[in-house]
Amino acid sequence: MKNFPLILLVSVLSAITAVTVYKYFEGPREVVYMENNPARLTTFTDQLFSGKSQREFVSSAPTDFISAAERVTPAVVNIKSSQGSDSDFWSSGSYGGSSGSGIIISPEGFVLTNNHVIEDSKKIEVTLNDKRKFKARIVGTDTSTDLALLKINEKDLPFLTFGNSDSVRVGEWVMAVGNPFNLESTVTAGIVSAKGRNINILEDLYSIESFIQTDAAVNPGNSGGALVNTNGELVGVNTAIITRSGRYEGYSFAVPANLAQKVVRDLKDFGEVQRGMLGIGIDDVNDERAKYLGLENAAGVYIKETHPNSAAGEAGLQKGDVIISINRKKIASVPELQEQVARFRPGNTISIEYVRDRKKYTTEVTLKNRSDKQAKKVADFKGDTRVLEDLGFELRNLRKEETRKLGIIGIKVKSIFRNSVIEETNMDPGFIITRVNDNKVTTIEDLIEELDGYSGQVVLEGIYEKYPGEYYYKFPF
C-alpha cells in the first residue's frame, strides 16, 4: 500500500498524456442527431457577402399542374366516329360507333388522334372543349404507329406544341388529358414508368411500338388524348392500356411525340408515311449473347440477317453485328431502334455505330423504302431517264411543229405505267408538262434537274391539247 500514491499519480499522468496525444492527432468530428421531425421551410443565409437570407423553399414541394392544365385542356377534343359496326374494346358503346379524344396541333384545325378511334368511319365529328362541333375529314392514317391526322374547317384554334420526348425521363411527372364521352377535358397525373415499351398490340406488319409507359389513369375514351409534361408540352399520344376489366388498371402507353411529329409531317405533306427501312432482321441482346459477343452490357440490337439489296447490307452491316447507337444516340433495345429509324424517310442517311468481333465501327446508311428502293431522288440518275420510269411515266420533248401549233414549249407524256406514282394522280397520256413546282421546264433534262436532290411534294403544271385550261397533278417525291 506504500506504493499506492505513486501508482495513482502515474495513472493520472498517463491518462492526461493519452488524451492530449489523441486530441492532437485526431481531427474534429461532426455529430448528427437524427430526429423524426416533419419537413419544414429551410432558410439559407449568405453570411460571407451580403448577410441577407436567400429565398425560402420547401425541399419536397408537390408538382403543380395548374398552369399546364389551363394551357392544355382547350386543345384536347372529343372525337365521335360513326362506323356502322358493333362497338369494340376501344369504343365507348354509347354512340353506335367509336369515341375517343384528339389533340389540336395547329391553329388551322389539324387534329392528331389514334387510328383505331376513326378506323373504318363513315362520319367523324369533333367537339371542342367549348362545345362547338365540326365535321372532320381524314388527312391520312398510319396503322404502324396507330396514328391519324384529321382536319376541321376552323381557324385561330388553341393548340399544343410538340415537346421533346427524348428528354422525358423515368420518374418524371406527366399529365394525361383526354376528352372522353363528351365529359369535357379530363385531367389525370402520374409518372413515367418506363420508355421504349413494346406490348404487341399493333397488327401492322411494320408496326412500331416504343411506347412511353405511365401510371396516369387513362381509359379507352382517352385514346388519342395528350400526354404532356409540367410545361404543357406534348410528349406523347395516349394510345393503349393493359387491362382485364376494360378500364384503367395501372398501366397506360403513349406514342412518343418525336415519332408522332414525323408521322404528322408525312401525313400532311404526302397523305401517307414515308418510312425509311434498314432491311434487317433483328433481336434484343440478352445477357448470354452479350457475354458471348464480348459486349460491355446486355444492351443493343442484334442483327439476325440482312436482306438482299438492303440499305444495311449496302452499308456493310452483317449478320452477327450489334447496333449500339444511331446518330450518336444509344440504342438498348429493338423498340428504341425502331423508333429512331422511323423518324427518317427513304433517302435519308443515318450514322450507325455497331460492334463486330468485339470492336466498334461506324457506318453511314442511306435508308430505303419497303421495296428496298431509295427515295426517288435523281442524284444517282442525273441525265438518265430511269428516274422517270421509277415515277411511272414515259416522256418526250415537244416537236417543233407541236410547239408552233400550241404556242408553248414543254414535255409530253407518252404513256403511264400501271400501279405507279403517276397513275395515282389520275394523269392521262397526252398531258404536256410546262412547269415543275412553279418552275418553267422545256425539256426532259430540265425536269430531271428540277427533281435532282428534291424531297417533298411535287406539283406538275401543264395542259391537254384538246381540253381548255391548265391542269395540276401532285405526288410525293
Foldseek 3Di string as FASTA:
>chain_A
DVCVVVVVVVVVVVVVVVVVVCPVPDDDDDDDDDDPDDFDKDWDAPCVPDRDIDDIDGPDDDFDQVVLCVQFQQFKKKKAFAQCDQDDLLAPRPPNARIAMWGAAAQQFKIKFFQVRHPNGPWMWIAGLVGDIFTKDWLAHDLQARMTIIGTGGGRGRGAAADALVPADFFAKKKWWICFPVPGIDIWIWTFHDWQDDPPPRDDPNHFDTWGKTQTFDASRHGNTFIGHSVNHGQWGWHDADDDVSGHDGITTTHGRLLVVLQVVCSNFFVGHQAFDQQFDKFFFDQVNCVVLVHPGRFFIFTQAHDPLGQNVVQPDGHGKTWQDKQPHGGGGDSSVSSVRRSDGFQDKIKTWIDDSNDIDITITRTPGPVSHGPLACQVPQVHCVSVVQQFWDKFWDDPVVCVVVVAAFIFTQDGHPPGQVVVQVDDGQWTFQDKPNHGDRGPNRVNVVRHPDFTKIKTKTDHPPDDDIDITIHGD
